[in-house]
């Protein structure tokens, strides 16, 4: 998941892979949690739009 999280941060926030890499593990886990919440919300929004 770390690679996906680094990619997400790069694409959405312009964070370089190095900037992501130097974060401590707790910060990385928090970002991964934020991404999961965002993706769940996007999925629900798409499902509602189909109705």
Protein backbone atom coordinates (compact mmCIF):
# COMPACT_ATOMS: atom_id res chain seq x y z
CA UNK A 1 0.00 0.00 0.00
CA UNK A 2 2.92 2.35 0.60
CA UNK A 3 3.59 2.71 -3.12
CA UNK A 4 -0.06 3.52 -3.80
CA UNK A 5 -0.12 6.05 -0.98
CA UNK A 6 3.04 7.74 -2.25
CA UNK A 7 1.54 7.87 -5.75
CA UNK A 8 -1.72 9.32 -4.41
CA UNK A 9 0.18 12.03 -2.52
CA UNK A 10 2.25 12.80 -5.61
CA UNK A 11 -0.75 13.10 -7.94
CA UNK A 12 -3.06 14.95 -5.57
CA UNK A 13 -0.70 17.06 -3.49
CA UNK A 14 2.51 17.33 -5.49
CA UNK A 15 4.41 15.54 -2.73
CA UNK A 16 7.59 13.95 -4.05
CA UNK A 17 8.26 10.30 -3.26
CA UNK A 18 11.14 11.44 -1.04
CA UNK A 19 8.83 13.72 0.95
CA UNK A 20 6.50 10.80 1.53
CA UNK A 21 9.35 8.43 2.31
CA UNK A 22 10.75 10.55 5.15
CA UNK A 23 7.43 10.63 7.01
CA UNK A 24 7.36 8.52 10.13
CA UNK A 25 5.27 5.35 10.18
CA UNK A 26 2.42 6.94 12.15
CA UNK A 27 2.07 9.73 9.58
CA UNK A 28 2.09 7.22 6.73
CA UNK A 29 -0.61 5.15 8.42
CA UNK A 30 -2.70 8.27 8.91
CA UNK A 31 -2.40 9.19 5.23
CA UNK A 32 -3.32 5.64 4.23
CA UNK A 33 -6.37 5.87 6.50
CA UNK A 34 -7.38 9.18 4.91
CA UNK A 35 -7.05 7.64 1.46
CA UNK A 36 -9.24 4.69 2.45
CA UNK A 37 -11.93 7.02 3.82
CA UNK A 38 -11.78 9.12 0.64
CA UNK A 39 -12.03 6.07 -1.63
CA UNK A 40 -14.99 4.70 0.35
CA UNK A 41 -16.78 8.05 0.04
CA UNK A 42 -16.07 8.15 -3.71
CA UNK A 43 -17.41 4.62 -4.12
CA UNK A 44 -20.62 5.47 -2.23
CA UNK A 45 -21.10 8.64 -4.29
CA UNK A 46 -20.74 6.67 -7.52
CA UNK A 47 -23.23 4.07 -6.34
CA UNK A 48 -25.75 6.78 -5.42
CA UNK A 49 -25.25 8.52 -8.76
CA UNK A 50 -26.13 5.29 -10.59
CA UNK A 51 -29.53 5.15 -8.86
